[in-house]
């Protein structure tokens, strides 16, 4: 697989866009948003495409808009898989229970089909502790959302 910058260059060339086209389009986005961070000068785009420079979130947004791609795809080219959030949530356990929106926009998650028999949906609990870990041969349900 290509690094992110090479993927961006291939995509730009497939779309027939020049660096100047990207600069002009990103300048219009920056003007609309009243934030110069969205603008991508040709020198910076060249650095992103050829030198491994990672674009800022603002510039990545502009590139996603200009190239008509889902920003999640561009993020994945840089090793950020938003669908991995479900497994990463276990690394931080807030001391207080709260409603979480962290998984609201995921495109799919894997969920075991069996829950602990003591699970009671009327009580607030750490849901991760209520999931029975199935043997490796047991299938899991895949929940997919339309993107």
Protein backbone atom coordinates (compact mmCIF):
# COMPACT_ATOMS: atom_id res chain seq x y z
CA UNK A 1 0.00 0.00 0.00
CA UNK A 2 1.17 3.51 -0.76
CA UNK A 3 1.84 6.01 1.98
CA UNK A 4 -0.83 8.71 2.35
CA UNK A 5 0.93 11.35 0.28
CA UNK A 6 1.45 9.02 -2.66
CA UNK A 7 -2.22 8.02 -2.54
CA UNK A 8 -3.20 11.70 -2.58
CA UNK A 9 -0.98 12.36 -5.58
CA UNK A 10 -2.37 9.38 -7.51
CA UNK A 11 -5.90 10.52 -6.72
CA UNK A 12 -5.19 14.13 -7.77
CA UNK A 13 -3.70 12.95 -11.06
CA UNK A 14 -6.60 10.55 -11.69
CA UNK A 15 -8.98 13.48 -11.29
CA UNK A 16 -6.92 15.59 -13.69
CA UNK A 17 -6.26 18.28 -11.10
CA UNK A 18 -3.09 20.35 -11.00
CA UNK A 19 -1.51 21.63 -7.82
CA UNK A 20 -2.76 25.07 -8.79
CA UNK A 21 -6.33 23.68 -9.06
CA UNK A 22 -6.03 22.31 -5.53
CA UNK A 23 -4.61 25.62 -4.29
CA UNK A 24 -7.49 27.60 -5.84
CA UNK A 25 -10.20 25.25 -4.58
CA UNK A 26 -8.74 25.13 -1.07
CA UNK A 27 -8.47 28.93 -1.03
CA UNK A 28 -12.21 29.14 -1.74
CA UNK A 29 -12.91 26.68 1.10
CA UNK A 30 -10.65 28.72 3.42
CA UNK A 31 -12.46 31.93 2.42
CA UNK A 32 -15.90 30.37 2.98
CA UNK A 33 -14.82 29.04 6.38
CA UNK A 34 -12.96 32.27 7.26
CA UNK A 35 -9.92 30.20 8.23
CA UNK A 36 -6.65 30.21 6.28
CA UNK A 37 -5.73 26.79 7.75
CA UNK A 38 -7.95 25.18 5.06
CA UNK A 39 -5.79 26.65 2.25
CA UNK A 40 -3.16 24.42 0.64
CA UNK A 41 -0.31 26.20 -1.16
CA UNK A 42 1.35 24.17 -3.95
CA UNK A 43 4.60 23.95 -1.99
CA UNK A 44 2.80 22.33 0.96
CA UNK A 45 0.88 19.96 -1.32
CA UNK A 46 4.18 18.93 -2.90
CA UNK A 47 5.64 18.26 0.56
CA UNK A 48 2.59 16.14 1.47
CA UNK A 49 2.77 14.15 -1.76
CA UNK A 50 6.52 13.61 -1.95
CA UNK A 51 8.16 14.16 1.45
CA UNK A 52 5.79 12.40 3.80
CA UNK A 53 4.52 15.59 5.44
CA UNK A 54 1.21 14.89 7.17
CA UNK A 55 -1.49 17.45 6.37
CA UNK A 56 -3.31 19.22 9.20
CA UNK A 57 -6.91 18.28 9.90
CA UNK A 58 -8.03 21.43 8.09
CA UNK A 59 -6.05 20.62 4.96
CA UNK A 60 -7.11 16.98 5.09
CA UNK A 61 -10.71 18.21 5.15
CA UNK A 62 -10.04 20.41 2.11
CA UNK A 63 -8.43 17.51 0.25
CA UNK A 64 -11.40 15.24 1.05
CA UNK A 65 -13.80 17.86 -0.31
CA UNK A 66 -11.72 18.66 -3.40
CA UNK A 67 -11.10 15.00 -4.24
CA UNK A 68 -14.69 14.02 -3.38
CA UNK A 69 -13.60 11.33 -0.91
CA UNK A 70 -14.78 10.39 2.56
CA UNK A 71 -12.38 11.87 5.10
CA UNK A 72 -12.30 8.48 6.85
CA UNK A 73 -10.60 7.03 3.78
CA UNK A 74 -7.93 9.74 3.79
CA UNK A 75 -7.39 9.28 7.52
CA UNK A 76 -6.92 5.55 7.01
CA UNK A 77 -4.08 6.28 4.56
CA UNK A 78 -2.28 7.84 7.53
CA UNK A 79 -2.98 4.93 9.87
CA UNK A 80 -6.06 6.38 11.57
CA UNK A 81 -8.90 3.86 11.32
CA UNK A 82 -11.98 5.38 12.94
CA UNK A 83 -13.62 1.95 13.01
CA UNK A 84 -10.91 0.94 15.51
CA UNK A 85 -12.34 3.27 18.14
CA UNK A 86 -14.55 0.54 19.58
CA UNK A 87 -11.55 -1.53 20.63
CA UNK A 88 -9.51 1.49 21.74
CA UNK A 89 -12.19 2.69 24.17
CA UNK A 90 -11.04 0.01 26.62
CA UNK A 91 -7.79 1.91 27.22
CA UNK A 92 -9.52 4.69 29.15
CA UNK A 93 -12.15 4.01 31.77
CA UNK A 94 -13.75 7.24 33.04
CA UNK A 95 -14.61 7.06 36.74
CA UNK A 96 -18.19 8.16 36.05
CA UNK A 97 -20.76 6.67 33.70
CA UNK A 98 -21.96 8.90 30.86
CA UNK A 99 -23.63 8.80 27.48
CA UNK A 100 -20.99 8.35 24.79
CA UNK A 101 -21.22 9.49 21.19
CA UNK A 102 -17.82 7.99 20.34
CA UNK A 103 -19.24 5.19 18.21
CA UNK A 104 -22.16 7.05 16.64
CA UNK A 105 -20.58 7.43 13.18
CA UNK A 106 -18.81 4.10 12.76
CA UNK A 107 -19.53 2.28 9.54
CA UNK A 108 -19.43 -1.18 11.15
CA UNK A 109 -18.62 -2.97 14.37
CA UNK A 110 -18.20 -6.61 15.36
CA UNK A 111 -20.33 -7.66 18.29
CA UNK A 112 -20.52 -11.07 19.96
CA UNK A 113 -23.98 -12.56 19.80
CA UNK A 114 -24.07 -13.83 23.41
CA UNK A 115 -24.41 -11.71 26.53
CA UNK A 116 -23.83 -12.65 30.14
CA UNK A 117 -27.09 -14.07 31.55
CA UNK A 118 -26.98 -11.50 34.36
CA UNK A 119 -27.15 -8.60 31.87
CA UNK A 120 -30.04 -6.26 32.71
CA UNK A 121 -30.62 -3.43 30.19
CA UNK A 122 -32.46 -1.43 32.86
CA UNK A 123 -29.20 -0.94 34.84
CA UNK A 124 -26.19 1.18 33.93
CA UNK A 125 -23.20 -1.12 33.57
CA UNK A 126 -19.93 -1.44 31.72
CA UNK A 127 -21.30 -3.22 28.67
CA UNK A 128 -17.87 -4.67 27.85
CA UNK A 129 -18.02 -6.78 31.01
CA UNK A 130 -21.41 -8.19 30.06
CA UNK A 131 -20.24 -9.66 26.74
CA UNK A 132 -19.32 -13.31 26.90
CA UNK A 133 -16.12 -14.01 25.04
CA UNK A 134 -17.09 -16.70 22.54
CA UNK A 135 -14.71 -19.49 21.55
CA UNK A 136 -12.75 -18.74 18.37
CA UNK A 137 -15.14 -20.93 16.37
CA UNK A 138 -18.26 -19.00 17.44
CA UNK A 139 -19.43 -16.44 14.84
CA UNK A 140 -19.97 -12.81 15.74
CA UNK A 141 -22.71 -10.61 14.39
CA UNK A 142 -21.56 -7.78 12.16
CA UNK A 143 -23.60 -4.62 12.43
CA UNK A 144 -23.19 -2.34 9.45
CA UNK A 145 -24.54 1.16 9.06
CA UNK A 146 -25.11 2.85 5.74
CA UNK A 147 -22.48 5.48 5.17
